[in-house]
Amino acid sequence: MKAIKKLWAEFKKFITRGNVIDLAVGVVIGAAFTAIVTSLTNDIIMPLINWAVGGEENGISSLCTVLKGVYIDDGMGNRVLDMENSLVINWGTLIQAVLDFILIAIVVFAIVKIINTIRDAGTKLGTKAGRDKELRKRAKKFVKQGMAADEARAKAEAELLAEEAPAPEEPPKPTTEELLAEIRDLLAANSKVSDGAQEEDK
């Protein structure tokens, strides 16, 4: 019984993890999104392309090259190509698949671009609103200290700008070659000093 409870606790912990829930939501939204994009491609864009190409019944997908044709009688005295038994290169199917891929990629790119633009605009608005709130709070504090409203606002703005300013860059660290050259110079200087001391002793 203990083992079952432990297993159930582990399963609950796993299933309620943020990553698993995010993945599940992503899969569901992805399926719905695929249906929308496929409908847009097949029901709106491809009919327009087929109409522009020539308005054939099957559009681009009907383009083919017959290498060896087998013809049958359609019962009305007409000879009709039997596609199942004929040797045919279906160029149209390949072109259709390539066009589907390109169109779906374009639509997905456009939708993602729009979503990212809206999200960035929302983030900027949120940041601006937060900054304005902080400015009002600081200005209010200065007004309580006896400053005029305009002066308090200007001081709060200057204070906030000083805090937002990027930190000064650290001076570049010496390279290995520079450190080795410095050590060599120090050793040479120490060697000269010790040689001079030995000569004085003599």
N, C-alpha and C. Protein backbone atom coordinates (compact mmCIF):
# COMPACT_ATOMS: atom_id res chain seq x y z
N MET A 1 0.82 -1.21 0.00
CA MET A 1 0.00 0.00 0.00
C MET A 1 0.86 1.27 0.00
N LYS A 2 1.95 1.19 0.79
CA LYS A 2 2.87 2.34 0.85
C LYS A 2 3.46 2.63 -0.52
N ALA A 3 3.83 1.54 -1.21
CA ALA A 3 4.44 1.68 -2.54
C ALA A 3 3.47 2.33 -3.51
N ILE A 4 2.18 1.98 -3.43
CA ILE A 4 1.17 2.56 -4.33
C ILE A 4 1.00 4.04 -4.02
N LYS A 5 0.96 4.39 -2.72
CA LYS A 5 0.82 5.80 -2.34
C LYS A 5 2.01 6.64 -2.82
N LYS A 6 3.19 6.05 -2.66
CA LYS A 6 4.42 6.74 -3.10
C LYS A 6 4.40 6.95 -4.62
N LEU A 7 3.98 5.88 -5.34
CA LEU A 7 3.91 5.97 -6.81
C LEU A 7 2.89 7.01 -7.24
N TRP A 8 1.73 7.03 -6.54
CA TRP A 8 0.68 8.02 -6.85
C TRP A 8 1.18 9.44 -6.59
N ALA A 9 1.91 9.63 -5.48
CA ALA A 9 2.46 10.96 -5.16
C ALA A 9 3.45 11.41 -6.23
N GLU A 10 4.30 10.49 -6.69
CA GLU A 10 5.27 10.82 -7.75
C GLU A 10 4.54 11.17 -9.05
N PHE A 11 3.48 10.40 -9.37
CA PHE A 11 2.72 10.66 -10.60
C PHE A 11 2.06 12.04 -10.53
N LYS A 12 1.46 12.37 -9.36
CA LYS A 12 0.83 13.68 -9.21
C LYS A 12 1.84 14.80 -9.36
N LYS A 13 3.02 14.60 -8.77
CA LYS A 13 4.08 15.61 -8.88
C LYS A 13 4.51 15.80 -10.33
N PHE A 14 4.62 14.67 -11.06
CA PHE A 14 5.04 14.72 -12.45
C PHE A 14 3.99 15.41 -13.33
N ILE A 15 2.71 15.02 -13.13
CA ILE A 15 1.65 15.51 -14.02
C ILE A 15 1.33 16.98 -13.77
N THR A 16 1.60 17.48 -12.54
CA THR A 16 1.31 18.89 -12.24
C THR A 16 2.52 19.80 -12.44
N ARG A 17 3.59 19.24 -12.95
CA ARG A 17 4.76 20.06 -13.24
C ARG A 17 4.43 21.07 -14.33
N GLY A 18 5.04 22.23 -14.26
CA GLY A 18 4.76 23.28 -15.26
C GLY A 18 5.07 22.85 -16.68
N ASN A 19 6.17 22.14 -16.87
CA ASN A 19 6.58 21.75 -18.22
C ASN A 19 5.56 20.83 -18.88
N VAL A 20 5.03 19.87 -18.12
CA VAL A 20 4.08 18.91 -18.69
C VAL A 20 2.80 19.62 -19.09
N ILE A 21 2.31 20.53 -18.22
CA ILE A 21 1.08 21.26 -18.53
C ILE A 21 1.30 22.16 -19.73
N ASP A 22 2.44 22.86 -19.78
CA ASP A 22 2.75 23.71 -20.94
C ASP A 22 2.80 22.91 -22.22
N LEU A 23 3.39 21.72 -22.14
CA LEU A 23 3.48 20.85 -23.32
C LEU A 23 2.10 20.42 -23.79
N ALA A 24 1.23 20.05 -22.83
CA ALA A 24 -0.13 19.62 -23.19
C ALA A 24 -0.90 20.76 -23.86
N VAL A 25 -0.79 21.96 -23.27
CA VAL A 25 -1.46 23.14 -23.86
C VAL A 25 -0.91 23.41 -25.26
N GLY A 26 0.43 23.29 -25.42
CA GLY A 26 1.05 23.51 -26.73
C GLY A 26 0.55 22.53 -27.78
N VAL A 27 0.39 21.26 -27.38
CA VAL A 27 -0.08 20.24 -28.33
C VAL A 27 -1.51 20.54 -28.77
N VAL A 28 -2.38 20.88 -27.80
CA VAL A 28 -3.79 21.17 -28.14
C VAL A 28 -3.89 22.40 -29.04
N ILE A 29 -3.19 23.47 -28.68
CA ILE A 29 -3.23 24.69 -29.49
C ILE A 29 -2.61 24.43 -30.86
N GLY A 30 -1.53 23.64 -30.89
CA GLY A 30 -0.88 23.32 -32.17
C GLY A 30 -1.82 22.58 -33.11
N ALA A 31 -2.62 21.64 -32.56
CA ALA A 31 -3.58 20.89 -33.40
C ALA A 31 -4.63 21.83 -33.97
N ALA A 32 -5.16 22.72 -33.12
CA ALA A 32 -6.17 23.68 -33.59
C ALA A 32 -5.57 24.64 -34.61
N PHE A 33 -4.35 25.07 -34.35
CA PHE A 33 -3.65 25.99 -35.24
C PHE A 33 -3.41 25.35 -36.61
N THR A 34 -3.03 24.05 -36.60
CA THR A 34 -2.81 23.33 -37.85
C THR A 34 -4.09 23.28 -38.68
N ALA A 35 -5.23 23.05 -38.02
CA ALA A 35 -6.51 23.00 -38.73
C ALA A 35 -6.82 24.35 -39.38
N ILE A 36 -6.54 25.44 -38.67
CA ILE A 36 -6.80 26.78 -39.22
C ILE A 36 -5.93 27.04 -40.44
N VAL A 37 -4.62 26.74 -40.30
CA VAL A 37 -3.68 26.99 -41.40
C VAL A 37 -4.02 26.12 -42.61
N THR A 38 -4.34 24.85 -42.38
CA THR A 38 -4.69 23.94 -43.48
C THR A 38 -5.94 24.43 -44.20
N SER A 39 -6.94 24.88 -43.44
CA SER A 39 -8.17 25.39 -44.05
C SER A 39 -7.90 26.64 -44.87
N LEU A 40 -7.08 27.53 -44.33
CA LEU A 40 -6.73 28.75 -45.06
C LEU A 40 -6.03 28.42 -46.37
N THR A 41 -5.12 27.44 -46.32
CA THR A 41 -4.37 27.06 -47.52
C THR A 41 -5.27 26.36 -48.55
N ASN A 42 -6.01 25.33 -48.09
CA ASN A 42 -6.79 24.50 -49.02
C ASN A 42 -8.06 25.17 -49.51
N ASP A 43 -8.69 25.99 -48.65
CA ASP A 43 -10.00 26.54 -49.00
C ASP A 43 -9.95 27.94 -49.59
N ILE A 44 -8.85 28.66 -49.37
CA ILE A 44 -8.80 30.04 -49.86
C ILE A 44 -7.64 30.25 -50.84
N ILE A 45 -6.42 29.92 -50.40
CA ILE A 45 -5.25 30.26 -51.22
C ILE A 45 -5.11 29.35 -52.42
N MET A 46 -5.19 28.01 -52.21
CA MET A 46 -5.00 27.07 -53.33
C MET A 46 -6.06 27.22 -54.43
N PRO A 47 -7.35 27.41 -54.09
CA PRO A 47 -8.32 27.63 -55.18
C PRO A 47 -7.98 28.85 -56.03
N LEU A 48 -7.46 29.91 -55.39
CA LEU A 48 -7.07 31.10 -56.16
C LEU A 48 -5.91 30.78 -57.10
N ILE A 49 -4.92 30.00 -56.60
CA ILE A 49 -3.78 29.62 -57.44
C ILE A 49 -4.23 28.72 -58.59
N ASN A 50 -5.09 27.75 -58.29
CA ASN A 50 -5.60 26.85 -59.34
C ASN A 50 -6.38 27.62 -60.40
N TRP A 51 -7.16 28.61 -59.95
CA TRP A 51 -7.92 29.44 -60.89
C TRP A 51 -6.97 30.25 -61.77
N ALA A 52 -5.89 30.80 -61.15
CA ALA A 52 -4.92 31.59 -61.91
C ALA A 52 -4.16 30.73 -62.91
N VAL A 53 -3.89 29.46 -62.54
CA VAL A 53 -3.14 28.57 -63.42
C VAL A 53 -3.95 28.18 -64.65
N GLY A 54 -5.24 28.07 -64.52
CA GLY A 54 -6.00 27.68 -65.72
C GLY A 54 -7.41 27.25 -65.45
N GLY A 55 -7.79 27.21 -64.20
CA GLY A 55 -9.16 26.89 -63.87
C GLY A 55 -9.57 25.47 -64.16
N GLU A 56 -8.61 24.54 -64.21
CA GLU A 56 -8.96 23.15 -64.42
C GLU A 56 -9.67 22.61 -63.19
N GLU A 57 -10.34 21.49 -63.39
CA GLU A 57 -11.15 20.94 -62.30
C GLU A 57 -10.29 20.61 -61.08
N ASN A 58 -9.15 19.96 -61.30
CA ASN A 58 -8.28 19.57 -60.18
C ASN A 58 -7.12 20.53 -59.98
N GLY A 59 -7.02 21.56 -60.82
CA GLY A 59 -5.99 22.56 -60.67
C GLY A 59 -4.59 22.00 -60.91
N ILE A 60 -3.64 22.47 -60.10
CA ILE A 60 -2.23 22.09 -60.27
C ILE A 60 -2.04 20.58 -60.10
N SER A 61 -2.78 19.98 -59.17
CA SER A 61 -2.58 18.56 -58.87
C SER A 61 -2.88 17.65 -60.06
N SER A 62 -3.55 18.17 -61.11
CA SER A 62 -3.87 17.32 -62.27
C SER A 62 -2.75 17.31 -63.32
N LEU A 63 -1.71 18.12 -63.12
CA LEU A 63 -0.60 18.14 -64.10
C LEU A 63 0.18 16.83 -64.01
N CYS A 64 0.39 16.20 -65.17
CA CYS A 64 1.12 14.92 -65.18
C CYS A 64 1.70 14.66 -66.56
N THR A 65 2.64 13.71 -66.61
CA THR A 65 3.22 13.25 -67.87
C THR A 65 2.92 11.76 -68.00
N VAL A 66 2.25 11.38 -69.10
CA VAL A 66 1.90 9.97 -69.32
C VAL A 66 3.03 9.31 -70.09
N LEU A 67 3.70 8.35 -69.44
CA LEU A 67 4.78 7.61 -70.11
C LEU A 67 4.23 6.44 -70.92
N LYS A 68 3.28 5.74 -70.33
CA LYS A 68 2.64 4.61 -71.03
C LYS A 68 1.17 4.60 -70.64
N GLY A 69 0.32 4.96 -71.57
CA GLY A 69 -1.10 5.10 -71.26
C GLY A 69 -1.91 3.85 -71.54
N VAL A 70 -2.84 3.59 -70.66
CA VAL A 70 -3.82 2.52 -70.85
C VAL A 70 -5.18 3.19 -70.92
N TYR A 71 -5.88 2.98 -72.03
CA TYR A 71 -7.16 3.65 -72.25
C TYR A 71 -8.30 2.66 -72.13
N ILE A 72 -9.42 3.14 -71.57
CA ILE A 72 -10.60 2.30 -71.44
C ILE A 72 -11.79 3.04 -72.03
N ASP A 73 -12.83 2.30 -72.33
CA ASP A 73 -14.05 2.89 -72.88
C ASP A 73 -14.94 3.32 -71.71
N ASP A 74 -15.42 4.57 -71.76
CA ASP A 74 -16.24 5.07 -70.65
C ASP A 74 -17.71 4.70 -70.77
N GLY A 75 -18.05 3.89 -71.78
CA GLY A 75 -19.44 3.46 -71.96
C GLY A 75 -20.23 4.38 -72.86
N MET A 76 -19.63 5.50 -73.26
CA MET A 76 -20.32 6.44 -74.15
C MET A 76 -19.55 6.61 -75.46
N GLY A 77 -18.67 5.66 -75.72
CA GLY A 77 -17.90 5.69 -76.96
C GLY A 77 -16.66 6.54 -76.89
N ASN A 78 -16.28 6.98 -75.71
CA ASN A 78 -15.07 7.80 -75.55
C ASN A 78 -13.98 6.97 -74.89
N ARG A 79 -12.75 7.18 -75.41
CA ARG A 79 -11.60 6.53 -74.78
C ARG A 79 -11.06 7.43 -73.67
N VAL A 80 -10.96 6.86 -72.46
CA VAL A 80 -10.51 7.63 -71.29
C VAL A 80 -9.25 6.98 -70.73
N LEU A 81 -8.32 7.82 -70.30
CA LEU A 81 -7.07 7.32 -69.73
C LEU A 81 -7.34 6.67 -68.37
N ASP A 82 -6.88 5.45 -68.21
CA ASP A 82 -7.00 4.74 -66.93
C ASP A 82 -5.76 5.06 -66.09
N MET A 83 -5.92 5.99 -65.14
CA MET A 83 -4.79 6.48 -64.36
C MET A 83 -4.18 5.39 -63.48
N GLU A 84 -4.99 4.46 -63.01
CA GLU A 84 -4.49 3.42 -62.11
C GLU A 84 -3.56 2.45 -62.81
N ASN A 85 -3.86 2.13 -64.06
CA ASN A 85 -3.06 1.14 -64.78
C ASN A 85 -2.04 1.78 -65.72
N SER A 86 -2.07 3.07 -65.89
CA SER A 86 -1.11 3.77 -66.76
C SER A 86 0.15 4.10 -65.98
N LEU A 87 1.25 4.28 -66.73
CA LEU A 87 2.52 4.71 -66.12
C LEU A 87 2.58 6.23 -66.25
N VAL A 88 2.44 6.91 -65.11
CA VAL A 88 2.27 8.37 -65.11
C VAL A 88 3.21 9.01 -64.08
N ILE A 89 3.84 10.12 -64.49
CA ILE A 89 4.61 10.95 -63.54
C ILE A 89 3.70 12.09 -63.11
N ASN A 90 3.36 12.12 -61.82
CA ASN A 90 2.44 13.13 -61.30
C ASN A 90 3.21 14.38 -60.82
N TRP A 91 3.56 15.23 -61.79
CA TRP A 91 4.25 16.47 -61.43
C TRP A 91 3.36 17.34 -60.54
N GLY A 92 2.09 17.35 -60.84
CA GLY A 92 1.16 18.22 -60.12
C GLY A 92 1.11 17.93 -58.63
N THR A 93 1.17 16.65 -58.26
CA THR A 93 1.12 16.29 -56.84
C THR A 93 2.33 16.83 -56.09
N LEU A 94 3.51 16.71 -56.75
CA LEU A 94 4.73 17.24 -56.13
C LEU A 94 4.67 18.76 -56.00
N ILE A 95 4.24 19.43 -57.07
CA ILE A 95 4.13 20.89 -57.03
C ILE A 95 3.14 21.32 -55.95
N GLN A 96 2.02 20.58 -55.86
CA GLN A 96 1.00 20.88 -54.85
C GLN A 96 1.59 20.76 -53.44
N ALA A 97 2.37 19.69 -53.19
CA ALA A 97 2.96 19.48 -51.87
C ALA A 97 3.95 20.61 -51.53
N VAL A 98 4.78 21.00 -52.52
CA VAL A 98 5.75 22.08 -52.30
C VAL A 98 5.03 23.40 -52.02
N LEU A 99 3.99 23.68 -52.82
CA LEU A 99 3.22 24.92 -52.60
C LEU A 99 2.53 24.92 -51.24
N ASP A 100 1.98 23.76 -50.86
CA ASP A 100 1.34 23.65 -49.54
C ASP A 100 2.34 23.99 -48.43
N PHE A 101 3.55 23.42 -48.55
CA PHE A 101 4.58 23.67 -47.53
C PHE A 101 4.94 25.15 -47.47
N ILE A 102 5.17 25.76 -48.64
CA ILE A 102 5.58 27.17 -48.68
C ILE A 102 4.47 28.06 -48.11
N LEU A 103 3.23 27.79 -48.53
CA LEU A 103 2.11 28.61 -48.07
C LEU A 103 1.89 28.48 -46.55
N ILE A 104 1.96 27.24 -46.06
CA ILE A 104 1.79 27.02 -44.62
C ILE A 104 2.90 27.72 -43.84
N ALA A 105 4.15 27.63 -44.36
CA ALA A 105 5.28 28.30 -43.69
C ALA A 105 5.08 29.81 -43.66
N ILE A 106 4.59 30.38 -44.77
CA ILE A 106 4.36 31.83 -44.83
C ILE A 106 3.27 32.25 -43.84
N VAL A 107 2.18 31.47 -43.83
CA VAL A 107 1.06 31.81 -42.92
C VAL A 107 1.52 31.71 -41.47
N VAL A 108 2.24 30.63 -41.13
CA VAL A 108 2.74 30.47 -39.75
C VAL A 108 3.66 31.62 -39.37
N PHE A 109 4.58 31.98 -40.29
CA PHE A 109 5.50 33.08 -40.03
C PHE A 109 4.74 34.38 -39.78
N ALA A 110 3.72 34.65 -40.62
CA ALA A 110 2.96 35.89 -40.48
C ALA A 110 2.23 35.93 -39.13
N ILE A 111 1.61 34.80 -38.75
CA ILE A 111 0.86 34.77 -37.49
C ILE A 111 1.80 34.93 -36.29
N VAL A 112 2.94 34.22 -36.33
CA VAL A 112 3.91 34.33 -35.23
C VAL A 112 4.46 35.76 -35.13
N LYS A 113 4.71 36.37 -36.29
CA LYS A 113 5.22 37.75 -36.32
C LYS A 113 4.20 38.71 -35.68
N ILE A 114 2.92 38.53 -36.01
CA ILE A 114 1.87 39.39 -35.44
C ILE A 114 1.79 39.20 -33.93
N ILE A 115 1.82 37.92 -33.49
CA ILE A 115 1.74 37.63 -32.05
C ILE A 115 2.92 38.25 -31.31
N ASN A 116 4.14 38.10 -31.88
CA ASN A 116 5.34 38.67 -31.23
C ASN A 116 5.28 40.19 -31.17
N THR A 117 4.76 40.82 -32.24
CA THR A 117 4.64 42.28 -32.26
C THR A 117 3.68 42.76 -31.17
N ILE A 118 2.53 42.05 -31.04
CA ILE A 118 1.55 42.42 -30.02
C ILE A 118 2.14 42.22 -28.62
N ARG A 119 2.87 41.09 -28.44
CA ARG A 119 3.48 40.82 -27.13
C ARG A 119 4.52 41.88 -26.78
N ASP A 120 5.37 42.26 -27.76
CA ASP A 120 6.40 43.29 -27.50
C ASP A 120 5.76 44.62 -27.15
N ALA A 121 4.67 44.96 -27.87
CA ALA A 121 3.98 46.22 -27.58
C ALA A 121 3.41 46.19 -26.17
N GLY A 122 2.84 45.06 -25.76
CA GLY A 122 2.29 44.92 -24.41
C GLY A 122 3.38 45.03 -23.35
N THR A 123 4.54 44.42 -23.63
CA THR A 123 5.66 44.50 -22.68
C THR A 123 6.15 45.93 -22.53
N LYS A 124 6.25 46.65 -23.66
CA LYS A 124 6.70 48.05 -23.60
C LYS A 124 5.71 48.91 -22.82
N LEU A 125 4.40 48.69 -23.06
CA LEU A 125 3.39 49.45 -22.33
C LEU A 125 3.46 49.16 -20.84
N GLY A 126 3.66 47.87 -20.49
CA GLY A 126 3.77 47.49 -19.08
C GLY A 126 4.98 48.13 -18.42
N THR A 127 6.12 48.13 -19.13
CA THR A 127 7.34 48.74 -18.59
C THR A 127 7.15 50.25 -18.40
N LYS A 128 6.51 50.89 -19.40
CA LYS A 128 6.28 52.34 -19.31
C LYS A 128 5.34 52.68 -18.15
N ALA A 129 4.30 51.85 -17.99
CA ALA A 129 3.35 52.08 -16.89
C ALA A 129 4.04 51.91 -15.54
N GLY A 130 4.90 50.89 -15.42
CA GLY A 130 5.64 50.67 -14.18
C GLY A 130 6.58 51.83 -13.86
N ARG A 131 7.23 52.35 -14.92
CA ARG A 131 8.16 53.47 -14.74
C ARG A 131 7.41 54.72 -14.30
N ASP A 132 6.26 54.98 -14.94
CA ASP A 132 5.46 56.16 -14.58
C ASP A 132 4.97 56.06 -13.14
N LYS A 133 4.58 54.86 -12.73
CA LYS A 133 4.12 54.66 -11.35
C LYS A 133 5.24 54.96 -10.35
N GLU A 134 6.46 54.45 -10.69
CA GLU A 134 7.62 54.69 -9.81
C GLU A 134 7.95 56.18 -9.75
N LEU A 135 7.84 56.87 -10.91
CA LEU A 135 8.11 58.32 -10.94
C LEU A 135 7.12 59.07 -10.06
N ARG A 136 5.83 58.73 -10.16
CA ARG A 136 4.81 59.39 -9.33
C ARG A 136 5.06 59.17 -7.85
N LYS A 137 5.47 57.93 -7.52
CA LYS A 137 5.74 57.59 -6.11
C LYS A 137 6.90 58.43 -5.57
N ARG A 138 7.97 58.53 -6.35
CA ARG A 138 9.14 59.30 -5.89
C ARG A 138 8.83 60.79 -5.82
N ALA A 139 8.10 61.27 -6.85
CA ALA A 139 7.76 62.69 -6.87
C ALA A 139 6.88 63.05 -5.66
N LYS A 140 5.97 62.16 -5.33
CA LYS A 140 5.08 62.37 -4.17
C LYS A 140 5.90 62.48 -2.88
N LYS A 141 6.94 61.64 -2.79
CA LYS A 141 7.81 61.66 -1.60
C LYS A 141 8.54 63.01 -1.50
N PHE A 142 9.00 63.51 -2.65
CA PHE A 142 9.71 64.81 -2.64
C PHE A 142 8.75 65.96 -2.33
N VAL A 143 7.50 65.85 -2.82
CA VAL A 143 6.51 66.90 -2.54
C VAL A 143 6.22 66.95 -1.04
N LYS A 144 6.16 65.78 -0.39
CA LYS A 144 5.94 65.73 1.06
C LYS A 144 7.08 66.41 1.81
N GLN A 145 8.29 66.40 1.20
CA GLN A 145 9.44 67.03 1.83
C GLN A 145 9.45 68.55 1.63
N GLY A 146 8.47 69.07 0.86
CA GLY A 146 8.33 70.51 0.69
C GLY A 146 8.71 71.04 -0.67
N MET A 147 9.00 70.16 -1.63
CA MET A 147 9.37 70.60 -2.99
C MET A 147 8.13 70.93 -3.80
N ALA A 148 8.33 71.79 -4.81
CA ALA A 148 7.24 72.07 -5.76
C ALA A 148 7.03 70.83 -6.63
N ALA A 149 5.82 70.68 -7.21
CA ALA A 149 5.47 69.48 -7.97
C ALA A 149 6.39 69.28 -9.18
N ASP A 150 6.67 70.40 -9.92
CA ASP A 150 7.53 70.29 -11.11
C ASP A 150 8.96 69.90 -10.72
N GLU A 151 9.44 70.53 -9.66
CA GLU A 151 10.81 70.25 -9.19
C GLU A 151 10.92 68.80 -8.69
N ALA A 152 9.88 68.35 -7.98
CA ALA A 152 9.88 66.97 -7.47
C ALA A 152 9.87 65.97 -8.61
N ARG A 153 9.08 66.28 -9.65
CA ARG A 153 9.02 65.38 -10.83
C ARG A 153 10.37 65.32 -11.52
N ALA A 154 11.03 66.47 -11.69
CA ALA A 154 12.33 66.53 -12.36
C ALA A 154 13.39 65.77 -11.56
N LYS A 155 13.36 65.94 -10.22
CA LYS A 155 14.33 65.24 -9.38
C LYS A 155 14.11 63.73 -9.41
N ALA A 156 12.84 63.32 -9.39
CA ALA A 156 12.52 61.89 -9.46
C ALA A 156 12.98 61.29 -10.80
N GLU A 157 12.78 62.06 -11.87
CA GLU A 157 13.21 61.61 -13.21
C GLU A 157 14.73 61.46 -13.25
N ALA A 158 15.46 62.44 -12.70
CA ALA A 158 16.92 62.39 -12.70
C ALA A 158 17.42 61.20 -11.87
N GLU A 159 16.78 60.97 -10.73
CA GLU A 159 17.15 59.86 -9.86
C GLU A 159 16.97 58.52 -10.57
N LEU A 160 15.81 58.39 -11.24
CA LEU A 160 15.50 57.14 -11.94
C LEU A 160 16.44 56.91 -13.12
N LEU A 161 16.76 57.99 -13.84
CA LEU A 161 17.69 57.87 -14.97
C LEU A 161 19.07 57.44 -14.49
N ALA A 162 19.49 57.99 -13.34
CA ALA A 162 20.80 57.62 -12.78
C ALA A 162 20.84 56.14 -12.41
N GLU A 163 19.72 55.63 -11.88
CA GLU A 163 19.65 54.22 -11.52
C GLU A 163 19.61 53.31 -12.75
N GLU A 164 18.95 53.80 -13.81
CA GLU A 164 18.82 52.98 -15.04
C GLU A 164 20.06 53.02 -15.91
N ALA A 165 20.95 53.98 -15.65
CA ALA A 165 22.17 54.10 -16.47
C ALA A 165 23.01 52.83 -16.34
N PRO A 166 23.58 52.38 -17.45
CA PRO A 166 24.39 51.15 -17.38
C PRO A 166 25.62 51.34 -16.52
N ALA A 167 26.00 50.28 -15.85
CA ALA A 167 27.18 50.34 -14.98
C ALA A 167 28.43 50.56 -15.84
N PRO A 168 29.42 51.31 -15.30
CA PRO A 168 30.64 51.54 -16.09
C PRO A 168 31.36 50.23 -16.37
N GLU A 169 31.92 50.17 -17.56
CA GLU A 169 32.62 48.95 -17.96
C GLU A 169 33.90 48.77 -17.15
N GLU A 170 34.15 47.52 -16.79
CA GLU A 170 35.39 47.22 -16.07
C GLU A 170 36.57 47.34 -17.02
N PRO A 171 37.72 47.78 -16.49
CA PRO A 171 38.89 47.86 -17.37
C PRO A 171 39.26 46.46 -17.85
N PRO A 172 39.75 46.37 -19.08
CA PRO A 172 40.05 45.04 -19.62
C PRO A 172 41.14 44.35 -18.81
N LYS A 173 40.96 43.05 -18.61
CA LYS A 173 41.95 42.28 -17.86
C LYS A 173 43.16 42.02 -18.74
N PRO A 174 44.37 42.00 -18.13
CA PRO A 174 45.57 41.76 -18.95
C PRO A 174 45.54 40.35 -19.53
N THR A 175 46.08 40.26 -20.73
CA THR A 175 46.14 38.95 -21.39
C THR A 175 47.28 38.12 -20.80
N THR A 176 47.32 36.85 -21.14
CA THR A 176 48.38 35.96 -20.64
C THR A 176 49.75 36.45 -21.09
N GLU A 177 49.82 36.92 -22.34
CA GLU A 177 51.10 37.40 -22.87
C GLU A 177 51.60 38.61 -22.08
N GLU A 178 50.64 39.54 -21.75
CA GLU A 178 51.02 40.74 -21.01
C GLU A 178 51.49 40.37 -19.59
N LEU A 179 50.81 39.42 -18.95
CA LEU A 179 51.22 38.97 -17.61
C LEU A 179 52.61 38.34 -17.64
N LEU A 180 52.84 37.50 -18.66
CA LEU A 180 54.16 36.86 -18.78
C LEU A 180 55.26 37.88 -19.02
N ALA A 181 54.97 38.89 -19.86
CA ALA A 181 55.96 39.94 -20.12
C ALA A 181 56.26 40.73 -18.85
N GLU A 182 55.22 41.01 -18.05
CA GLU A 182 55.41 41.74 -16.79
C GLU A 182 56.26 40.92 -15.81
N ILE A 183 55.99 39.61 -15.70
CA ILE A 183 56.78 38.73 -14.83
C ILE A 183 58.24 38.68 -15.28
N ARG A 184 58.44 38.60 -16.61
CA ARG A 184 59.80 38.58 -17.15
C ARG A 184 60.55 39.86 -16.80
N ASP A 185 59.87 41.01 -16.94
CA ASP A 185 60.50 42.30 -16.62
C ASP A 185 60.84 42.39 -15.13
N LEU A 186 59.94 41.90 -14.28
CA LEU A 186 60.21 41.91 -12.83
C LEU A 186 61.40 41.03 -12.48
N LEU A 187 61.45 39.83 -13.10
CA LEU A 187 62.58 38.92 -12.84
C LEU A 187 63.89 39.54 -13.30
N ALA A 188 63.84 40.22 -14.47
CA ALA A 188 65.05 40.86 -14.98
C ALA A 188 65.49 41.98 -14.04
N ALA A 189 64.51 42.76 -13.55
CA ALA A 189 64.85 43.86 -12.64
C ALA A 189 65.42 43.31 -11.33
N ASN A 190 64.82 42.24 -10.80
CA ASN A 190 65.33 41.62 -9.58
C ASN A 190 66.73 41.05 -9.77
N SER A 191 66.96 40.49 -10.96
CA SER A 191 68.28 39.92 -11.28
C SER A 191 69.33 41.02 -11.30
N LYS A 192 69.01 42.19 -11.87
CA LYS A 192 69.96 43.31 -11.92
C LYS A 192 70.26 43.81 -10.51
N VAL A 193 69.19 43.90 -9.69
CA VAL A 193 69.39 44.38 -8.31
C VAL A 193 70.29 43.44 -7.54
N SER A 194 70.04 42.11 -7.70
CA SER A 194 70.87 41.13 -6.96
C SER A 194 72.30 41.14 -7.47
N ASP A 195 72.52 41.33 -8.79
CA ASP A 195 73.88 41.41 -9.33
C ASP A 195 74.60 42.64 -8.79
N GLY A 196 73.89 43.76 -8.71
CA GLY A 196 74.49 45.01 -8.18
C GLY A 196 74.88 44.83 -6.70
N ALA A 197 74.04 44.15 -5.96
CA ALA A 197 74.34 43.93 -4.51
C ALA A 197 75.56 43.04 -4.35
N GLN A 198 75.69 42.02 -5.23
CA GLN A 198 76.86 41.12 -5.14
C GLN A 198 78.14 41.89 -5.48
N GLU A 199 78.12 42.80 -6.46
CA GLU A 199 79.29 43.57 -6.84
C GLU A 199 79.71 44.50 -5.68
N GLU A 200 78.72 45.07 -4.99
CA GLU A 200 79.04 45.97 -3.86
C GLU A 200 79.71 45.19 -2.72
N ASP A 201 79.24 43.94 -2.53
CA ASP A 201 79.80 43.11 -1.46
C ASP A 201 81.28 42.79 -1.75
N LYS A 202 81.59 42.66 -3.04
CA LYS A 202 82.97 42.36 -3.40
C LYS A 202 83.84 43.57 -3.11
